[in-house]
Amino acid sequence: MQVISGAGEFEISMERVEVRGSVVVLIGKMGVWESETIIEQAEIGHLLRVSLRPRVLGWVLTWPFVELWRWLRHHKN
């Protein structure tokens, strides 16, 4: 994943996800820095609402099949 902003472009890697009380915490790195992204319950609802668009849903639903097809092609032999 990548963040592109006025401060620059940073690679983001997620190492794990935790639940702490009523929040979800994504733990990983942004560039060379350790980072935690904290998502509150209300924000998760908002994220789902803005994500539930036909094109996004289509991508999410077809992605596993595309990956399976790629894996089968790669392991054909």
C-alpha atoms as a PDB file:
ATOM      1  CA  MET A   1       0.000   0.000   0.000  1.00  0.00           C
ATOM      2  CA  GLN A   2       1.087   3.540  -0.491  1.00  0.00           C
ATOM      3  CA  VAL A   3       0.221   6.965   0.903  1.00  0.00           C
ATOM      4  CA  ILE A   4       0.712   9.881  -1.468  1.00  0.00           C
ATOM      5  CA  SER A   5       0.569  13.329   0.128  1.00  0.00           C
ATOM      6  CA  GLY A   6       2.133  16.760   0.054  1.00  0.00           C
ATOM      7  CA  ALA A   7       4.751  15.427   2.476  1.00  0.00           C
ATOM      8  CA  GLY A   8       5.804  12.734   0.015  1.00  0.00           C
ATOM      9  CA  GLU A   9       5.075   9.153  -0.950  1.00  0.00           C
ATOM     10  CA  PHE A  10       5.321   6.455   1.699  1.00  0.00           C
ATOM     11  CA  GLU A  11       5.024   2.703   1.497  1.00  0.00           C
ATOM     12  CA  ILE A  12       2.743   1.238   4.140  1.00  0.00           C
ATOM     13  CA  SER A  13       2.941  -2.345   5.346  1.00  0.00           C
ATOM     14  CA  MET A  14       0.522  -3.900   7.807  1.00  0.00           C
ATOM     15  CA  GLU A  15       1.952  -6.493  10.172  1.00  0.00           C
ATOM     16  CA  ARG A  16      -1.107  -7.237  12.269  1.00  0.00           C
ATOM     17  CA  VAL A  17      -4.540  -6.056  13.352  1.00  0.00           C
ATOM     18  CA  GLU A  18      -5.642  -5.827  16.984  1.00  0.00           C
ATOM     19  CA  VAL A  19      -8.823  -4.915  18.798  1.00  0.00           C
ATOM     20  CA  ARG A  20      -8.211  -2.654  21.792  1.00  0.00           C
ATOM     21  CA  GLY A  21     -11.388  -1.988  23.678  1.00  0.00           C
ATOM     22  CA  SER A  22     -13.756  -0.452  21.149  1.00  0.00           C
ATOM     23  CA  VAL A  23     -11.194   0.374  18.445  1.00  0.00           C
ATOM     24  CA  VAL A  24      -9.416  -1.584  15.721  1.00  0.00           C
ATOM     25  CA  VAL A  25      -5.682  -0.934  15.468  1.00  0.00           C
ATOM     26  CA  LEU A  26      -3.699  -1.606  12.291  1.00  0.00           C
ATOM     27  CA  ILE A  27      -0.046  -2.052  13.247  1.00  0.00           C
ATOM     28  CA  GLY A  28       2.739  -1.765  10.720  1.00  0.00           C
ATOM     29  CA  LYS A  29       5.163   0.660   9.150  1.00  0.00           C
ATOM     30  CA  MET A  30       4.826   3.811   7.087  1.00  0.00           C
ATOM     31  CA  GLY A  31       8.117   4.234   5.328  1.00  0.00           C
ATOM     32  CA  VAL A  32      10.754   3.625   7.997  1.00  0.00           C
ATOM     33  CA  TRP A  33       8.493   4.593  10.905  1.00  0.00           C
ATOM     34  CA  GLU A  34       6.525   2.216  13.095  1.00  0.00           C
ATOM     35  CA  SER A  35       2.872   3.178  12.874  1.00  0.00           C
ATOM     36  CA  GLU A  36      -0.533   2.444  14.309  1.00  0.00           C
ATOM     37  CA  THR A  37      -3.751   3.370  12.561  1.00  0.00           C
ATOM     38  CA  ILE A  38      -6.628   3.535  15.028  1.00  0.00           C
ATOM     39  CA  ILE A  39     -10.147   3.092  13.679  1.00  0.00           C
ATOM     40  CA  GLU A  40     -13.098   3.799  15.958  1.00  0.00           C
ATOM     41  CA  GLN A  41     -16.447   2.032  15.569  1.00  0.00           C
ATOM     42  CA  ALA A  42     -18.165   5.044  13.985  1.00  0.00           C
ATOM     43  CA  GLU A  43     -15.328   5.324  11.469  1.00  0.00           C
ATOM     44  CA  ILE A  44     -15.691   1.660  10.502  1.00  0.00           C
ATOM     45  CA  GLY A  45     -19.353   2.287   9.699  1.00  0.00           C
ATOM     46  CA  HIS A  46     -18.410   5.305   7.603  1.00  0.00           C
ATOM     47  CA  LEU A  47     -15.672   3.339   5.834  1.00  0.00           C
ATOM     48  CA  LEU A  48     -18.155   0.605   4.947  1.00  0.00           C
ATOM     49  CA  ARG A  49     -20.708   3.119   3.669  1.00  0.00           C
ATOM     50  CA  VAL A  50     -18.242   4.891   1.391  1.00  0.00           C
ATOM     51  CA  SER A  51     -16.822   1.543   0.209  1.00  0.00           C
ATOM     52  CA  LEU A  52     -20.123  -0.066  -0.732  1.00  0.00           C
ATOM     53  CA  ARG A  53     -20.174   1.177  -4.299  1.00  0.00           C
ATOM     54  CA  PRO A  54     -20.897  -1.074  -7.299  1.00  0.00           C
ATOM     55  CA  ARG A  55     -17.379  -0.861  -8.724  1.00  0.00           C
ATOM     56  CA  VAL A  56     -15.718  -1.534  -5.349  1.00  0.00           C
ATOM     57  CA  LEU A  57     -18.091  -4.414  -4.578  1.00  0.00           C
ATOM     58  CA  GLY A  58     -17.460  -5.889  -8.026  1.00  0.00           C
ATOM     59  CA  TRP A  59     -13.720  -5.759  -7.452  1.00  0.00           C
ATOM     60  CA  VAL A  60     -14.005  -7.320  -3.979  1.00  0.00           C
ATOM     61  CA  LEU A  61     -16.252 -10.125  -5.233  1.00  0.00           C
ATOM     62  CA  THR A  62     -14.135 -10.986  -8.291  1.00  0.00           C
ATOM     63  CA  TRP A  63     -10.699 -10.617  -6.667  1.00  0.00           C
ATOM     64  CA  PRO A  64     -10.569 -14.130  -5.092  1.00  0.00           C
ATOM     65  CA  PHE A  65     -11.399 -15.738  -8.446  1.00  0.00           C
ATOM     66  CA  VAL A  66      -8.783 -13.692 -10.293  1.00  0.00           C
ATOM     67  CA  GLU A  67      -6.153 -14.674  -7.718  1.00  0.00           C
ATOM     68  CA  LEU A  68      -7.181 -18.344  -7.927  1.00  0.00           C
ATOM     69  CA  TRP A  69      -6.914 -18.213 -11.719  1.00  0.00           C
ATOM     70  CA  ARG A  70      -3.430 -16.647 -11.461  1.00  0.00           C
ATOM     71  CA  TRP A  71      -2.343 -19.255  -8.921  1.00  0.00           C
ATOM     72  CA  LEU A  72      -3.636 -22.118 -11.093  1.00  0.00           C
ATOM     73  CA  ARG A  73      -1.839 -20.718 -14.151  1.00  0.00           C
ATOM     74  CA  HIS A  74       1.399 -20.379 -12.190  1.00  0.00           C
ATOM     75  CA  HIS A  75       1.167 -23.907 -10.719  1.00  0.00           C
ATOM     76  CA  LYS A  76      -0.051 -25.562 -13.907  1.00  0.00           C
ATOM     77  CA  ASN A  77       3.031 -27.787 -14.192  1.00  0.00           C
END
